[in-house]
Amino acid sequence: MKKYECTVCGYIYDEELGDPDSGIAPGTKWEDLPDDWVCPLCGVGKDDFEEVN
């Protein structure tokens, strides 16, 4: 499972945890997120995230 960081606010999307508050189940891969999913903290789109190790 991978993690992705918002380059605007630093929020980490962890595929293992998902984003339950936004209806994204744990285990949801980044590429399976809806195209209109946005950062739950600052509202930017997926284009403003980068993979972290």
PDB file of N, CA and C in Angstrom:
ATOM      1  N   MET A   1       0.846  -1.192   0.000  1.00  0.00           N
ATOM      2  CA  MET A   1       0.000   0.000   0.000  1.00  0.00           C
ATOM      3  C   MET A   1       0.883   1.244   0.000  1.00  0.00           C
ATOM      4  N   LYS A   2       0.436   2.247  -0.731  1.00  0.00           N
ATOM      5  CA  LYS A   2       1.213   3.472  -0.884  1.00  0.00           C
ATOM      6  C   LYS A   2       0.553   4.622  -0.130  1.00  0.00           C
ATOM      7  N   LYS A   3       1.329   5.696   0.026  1.00  0.00           N
ATOM      8  CA  LYS A   3       0.838   6.920   0.649  1.00  0.00           C
ATOM      9  C   LYS A   3       1.113   8.075  -0.291  1.00  0.00           C
ATOM     10  N   TYR A   4       0.218   9.048  -0.255  1.00  0.00           N
ATOM     11  CA  TYR A   4       0.326  10.230  -1.109  1.00  0.00           C
ATOM     12  C   TYR A   4       0.131  11.462  -0.247  1.00  0.00           C
ATOM     13  N   GLU A   5       0.977  12.475  -0.463  1.00  0.00           N
ATOM     14  CA  GLU A   5       0.930  13.687   0.348  1.00  0.00           C
ATOM     15  C   GLU A   5       0.424  14.866  -0.465  1.00  0.00           C
ATOM     16  N   CYS A   6      -0.468  15.630   0.149  1.00  0.00           N
ATOM     17  CA  CYS A   6      -0.949  16.873  -0.455  1.00  0.00           C
ATOM     18  C   CYS A   6       0.182  17.896  -0.398  1.00  0.00           C
ATOM     19  N   THR A   7       0.554  18.436  -1.560  1.00  0.00           N
ATOM     20  CA  THR A   7       1.653  19.401  -1.604  1.00  0.00           C
ATOM     21  C   THR A   7       1.236  20.781  -1.098  1.00  0.00           C
ATOM     22  N   VAL A   8      -0.063  20.970  -0.874  1.00  0.00           N
ATOM     23  CA  VAL A   8      -0.557  22.254  -0.386  1.00  0.00           C
ATOM     24  C   VAL A   8      -0.592  22.287   1.143  1.00  0.00           C
ATOM     25  N   CYS A   9      -1.180  21.233   1.761  1.00  0.00           N
ATOM     26  CA  CYS A   9      -1.374  21.289   3.218  1.00  0.00           C
ATOM     27  C   CYS A   9      -0.674  20.177   3.994  1.00  0.00           C
ATOM     28  N   GLY A  10      -0.140  19.169   3.290  1.00  0.00           N
ATOM     29  CA  GLY A  10       0.579  18.103   3.970  1.00  0.00           C
ATOM     30  C   GLY A  10      -0.259  16.909   4.384  1.00  0.00           C
ATOM     31  N   TYR A  11      -1.559  16.907   4.067  1.00  0.00           N
ATOM     32  CA  TYR A  11      -2.411  15.754   4.376  1.00  0.00           C
ATOM     33  C   TYR A  11      -1.857  14.514   3.679  1.00  0.00           C
ATOM     34  N   ILE A  12      -1.876  13.394   4.380  1.00  0.00           N
ATOM     35  CA  ILE A  12      -1.411  12.131   3.811  1.00  0.00           C
ATOM     36  C   ILE A  12      -2.609  11.234   3.514  1.00  0.00           C
ATOM     37  N   TYR A  13      -2.756  10.843   2.238  1.00  0.00           N
ATOM     38  CA  TYR A  13      -3.742   9.814   1.889  1.00  0.00           C
ATOM     39  C   TYR A  13      -3.009   8.486   1.950  1.00  0.00           C
ATOM     40  N   ASP A  14      -3.446   7.616   2.849  1.00  0.00           N
ATOM     41  CA  ASP A  14      -2.861   6.292   3.043  1.00  0.00           C
ATOM     42  C   ASP A  14      -3.839   5.275   2.467  1.00  0.00           C
ATOM     43  N   GLU A  15      -3.413   4.547   1.430  1.00  0.00           N
ATOM     44  CA  GLU A  15      -4.297   3.574   0.790  1.00  0.00           C
ATOM     45  C   GLU A  15      -4.821   2.553   1.803  1.00  0.00           C
ATOM     46  N   GLU A  16      -4.008   2.220   2.781  1.00  0.00           N
ATOM     47  CA  GLU A  16      -4.409   1.230   3.782  1.00  0.00           C
ATOM     48  C   GLU A  16      -5.580   1.727   4.626  1.00  0.00           C
ATOM     49  N   LEU A  17      -5.603   3.037   4.892  1.00  0.00           N
ATOM     50  CA  LEU A  17      -6.649   3.621   5.742  1.00  0.00           C
ATOM     51  C   LEU A  17      -7.848   4.142   4.953  1.00  0.00           C
ATOM     52  N   GLY A  18      -7.621   4.519   3.683  1.00  0.00           N
ATOM     53  CA  GLY A  18      -8.682   5.126   2.896  1.00  0.00           C
ATOM     54  C   GLY A  18      -9.036   6.505   3.437  1.00  0.00           C
ATOM     55  N   ASP A  19     -10.248   6.932   3.170  1.00  0.00           N
ATOM     56  CA  ASP A  19     -10.767   8.219   3.663  1.00  0.00           C
ATOM     57  C   ASP A  19     -12.231   8.007   4.036  1.00  0.00           C
ATOM     58  N   PRO A  20     -12.456   7.284   5.157  1.00  0.00           N
ATOM     59  CA  PRO A  20     -13.829   6.909   5.534  1.00  0.00           C
ATOM     60  C   PRO A  20     -14.791   8.097   5.651  1.00  0.00           C
ATOM     61  N   ASP A  21     -14.290   9.255   6.080  1.00  0.00           N
ATOM     62  CA  ASP A  21     -15.162  10.424   6.218  1.00  0.00           C
ATOM     63  C   ASP A  21     -15.704  10.902   4.868  1.00  0.00           C
ATOM     64  N   SER A  22     -14.999  10.527   3.793  1.00  0.00           N
ATOM     65  CA  SER A  22     -15.442  10.890   2.442  1.00  0.00           C
ATOM     66  C   SER A  22     -16.021   9.695   1.691  1.00  0.00           C
ATOM     67  N   GLY A  23     -16.266   8.602   2.418  1.00  0.00           N
ATOM     68  CA  GLY A  23     -16.857   7.419   1.803  1.00  0.00           C
ATOM     69  C   GLY A  23     -15.874   6.536   1.051  1.00  0.00           C
ATOM     70  N   ILE A  24     -14.574   6.724   1.294  1.00  0.00           N
ATOM     71  CA  ILE A  24     -13.539   5.924   0.629  1.00  0.00           C
ATOM     72  C   ILE A  24     -13.099   4.818   1.594  1.00  0.00           C
ATOM     73  N   ALA A  25     -13.351   3.574   1.207  1.00  0.00           N
ATOM     74  CA  ALA A  25     -13.082   2.429   2.080  1.00  0.00           C
ATOM     75  C   ALA A  25     -11.588   2.192   2.267  1.00  0.00           C
ATOM     76  N   PRO A  26     -11.198   1.673   3.440  1.00  0.00           N
ATOM     77  CA  PRO A  26      -9.807   1.257   3.635  1.00  0.00           C
ATOM     78  C   PRO A  26      -9.396   0.277   2.545  1.00  0.00           C
ATOM     79  N   GLY A  27      -8.162   0.406   2.080  1.00  0.00           N
ATOM     80  CA  GLY A  27      -7.656  -0.457   1.024  1.00  0.00           C
ATOM     81  C   GLY A  27      -7.884   0.079  -0.381  1.00  0.00           C
ATOM     82  N   THR A  28      -8.478   1.276  -0.490  1.00  0.00           N
ATOM     83  CA  THR A  28      -8.734   1.859  -1.811  1.00  0.00           C
ATOM     84  C   THR A  28      -7.448   2.443  -2.377  1.00  0.00           C
ATOM     85  N   LYS A  29      -7.028   1.918  -3.524  1.00  0.00           N
ATOM     86  CA  LYS A  29      -5.807   2.390  -4.171  1.00  0.00           C
ATOM     87  C   LYS A  29      -6.010   3.784  -4.742  1.00  0.00           C
ATOM     88  N   TRP A  30      -4.902   4.525  -4.826  1.00  0.00           N
ATOM     89  CA  TRP A  30      -4.927   5.904  -5.322  1.00  0.00           C
ATOM     90  C   TRP A  30      -5.612   5.991  -6.678  1.00  0.00           C
ATOM     91  N   GLU A  31      -5.241   5.077  -7.590  1.00  0.00           N
ATOM     92  CA  GLU A  31      -5.798   5.135  -8.944  1.00  0.00           C
ATOM     93  C   GLU A  31      -7.284   4.796  -8.976  1.00  0.00           C
ATOM     94  N   ASP A  32      -7.808   4.211  -7.890  1.00  0.00           N
ATOM     95  CA  ASP A  32      -9.229   3.871  -7.819  1.00  0.00           C
ATOM     96  C   ASP A  32     -10.068   4.960  -7.163  1.00  0.00           C
ATOM     97  N   LEU A  33      -9.417   6.020  -6.660  1.00  0.00           N
ATOM     98  CA  LEU A  33     -10.174   7.144  -6.111  1.00  0.00           C
ATOM     99  C   LEU A  33     -10.932   7.823  -7.244  1.00  0.00           C
ATOM    100  N   PRO A  34     -12.141   8.308  -6.971  1.00  0.00           N
ATOM    101  CA  PRO A  34     -12.878   9.036  -8.012  1.00  0.00           C
ATOM    102  C   PRO A  34     -12.074  10.253  -8.485  1.00  0.00           C
ATOM    103  N   ASP A  35     -12.221  10.610  -9.748  1.00  0.00           N
ATOM    104  CA  ASP A  35     -11.491  11.753 -10.292  1.00  0.00           C
ATOM    105  C   ASP A  35     -11.850  13.054  -9.593  1.00  0.00           C
ATOM    106  N   ASP A  36     -13.048  13.102  -8.996  1.00  0.00           N
ATOM    107  CA  ASP A  36     -13.473  14.338  -8.328  1.00  0.00           C
ATOM    108  C   ASP A  36     -13.182  14.337  -6.830  1.00  0.00           C
ATOM    109  N   TRP A  37     -12.431  13.314  -6.346  1.00  0.00           N
ATOM    110  CA  TRP A  37     -12.038  13.288  -4.933  1.00  0.00           C
ATOM    111  C   TRP A  37     -11.119  14.472  -4.663  1.00  0.00           C
ATOM    112  N   VAL A  38     -11.289  15.110  -3.514  1.00  0.00           N
ATOM    113  CA  VAL A  38     -10.438  16.244  -3.134  1.00  0.00           C
ATOM    114  C   VAL A  38      -9.872  16.026  -1.738  1.00  0.00           C
ATOM    115  N   CYS A  39      -8.787  16.713  -1.456  1.00  0.00           N
ATOM    116  CA  CYS A  39      -8.161  16.654  -0.135  1.00  0.00           C
ATOM    117  C   CYS A  39      -9.197  17.047   0.918  1.00  0.00           C
ATOM    118  N   PRO A  40      -9.378  16.202   1.945  1.00  0.00           N
ATOM    119  CA  PRO A  40     -10.388  16.517   2.960  1.00  0.00           C
ATOM    120  C   PRO A  40     -10.022  17.712   3.842  1.00  0.00           C
ATOM    121  N   LEU A  41      -8.770  18.144   3.817  1.00  0.00           N
ATOM    122  CA  LEU A  41      -8.369  19.282   4.643  1.00  0.00           C
ATOM    123  C   LEU A  41      -8.409  20.612   3.892  1.00  0.00           C
ATOM    124  N   CYS A  42      -7.912  20.621   2.650  1.00  0.00           N
ATOM    125  CA  CYS A  42      -7.822  21.913   1.962  1.00  0.00           C
ATOM    126  C   CYS A  42      -8.587  21.975   0.641  1.00  0.00           C
ATOM    127  N   GLY A  43      -9.093  20.830   0.151  1.00  0.00           N
ATOM    128  CA  GLY A  43      -9.979  20.842  -1.003  1.00  0.00           C
ATOM    129  C   GLY A  43      -9.330  20.820  -2.376  1.00  0.00           C
ATOM    130  N   VAL A  44      -8.005  20.648  -2.453  1.00  0.00           N
ATOM    131  CA  VAL A  44      -7.377  20.558  -3.774  1.00  0.00           C
ATOM    132  C   VAL A  44      -7.575  19.166  -4.363  1.00  0.00           C
ATOM    133  N   GLY A  45      -7.411  19.052  -5.675  1.00  0.00           N
ATOM    134  CA  GLY A  45      -7.616  17.792  -6.360  1.00  0.00           C
ATOM    135  C   GLY A  45      -6.412  16.863  -6.314  1.00  0.00           C
ATOM    136  N   LYS A  46      -6.585  15.692  -6.930  1.00  0.00           N
ATOM    137  CA  LYS A  46      -5.553  14.661  -6.932  1.00  0.00           C
ATOM    138  C   LYS A  46      -4.250  15.112  -7.593  1.00  0.00           C
ATOM    139  N   ASP A  47      -4.341  16.075  -8.491  1.00  0.00           N
ATOM    140  CA  ASP A  47      -3.133  16.568  -9.183  1.00  0.00           C
ATOM    141  C   ASP A  47      -2.151  17.228  -8.231  1.00  0.00           C
ATOM    142  N   ASP A  48      -2.615  17.643  -7.063  1.00  0.00           N
ATOM    143  CA  ASP A  48      -1.756  18.314  -6.096  1.00  0.00           C
ATOM    144  C   ASP A  48      -1.200  17.373  -5.034  1.00  0.00           C
ATOM    145  N   PHE A  49      -1.211  16.078  -5.326  1.00  0.00           N
ATOM    146  CA  PHE A  49      -0.638  15.072  -4.430  1.00  0.00           C
ATOM    147  C   PHE A  49       0.559  14.419  -5.096  1.00  0.00           C
ATOM    148  N   GLU A  50       1.518  13.993  -4.259  1.00  0.00           N
ATOM    149  CA  GLU A  50       2.646  13.222  -4.781  1.00  0.00           C
ATOM    150  C   GLU A  50       2.901  12.033  -3.879  1.00  0.00           C
ATOM    151  N   GLU A  51       3.399  10.953  -4.487  1.00  0.00           N
ATOM    152  CA  GLU A  51       3.659   9.720  -3.739  1.00  0.00           C
ATOM    153  C   GLU A  51       4.814   9.933  -2.774  1.00  0.00           C
ATOM    154  N   VAL A  52       4.672   9.406  -1.563  1.00  0.00           N
ATOM    155  CA  VAL A  52       5.747   9.460  -0.564  1.00  0.00           C
ATOM    156  C   VAL A  52       6.145   8.052  -0.182  1.00  0.00           C
ATOM    157  N   ASN A  53       7.374   7.917   0.270  1.00  0.00           N
ATOM    158  CA  ASN A  53       7.862   6.593   0.667  1.00  0.00           C
ATOM    159  C   ASN A  53       7.786   6.413   2.161  1.00  0.00           C
TER     160      ASN A  53
END
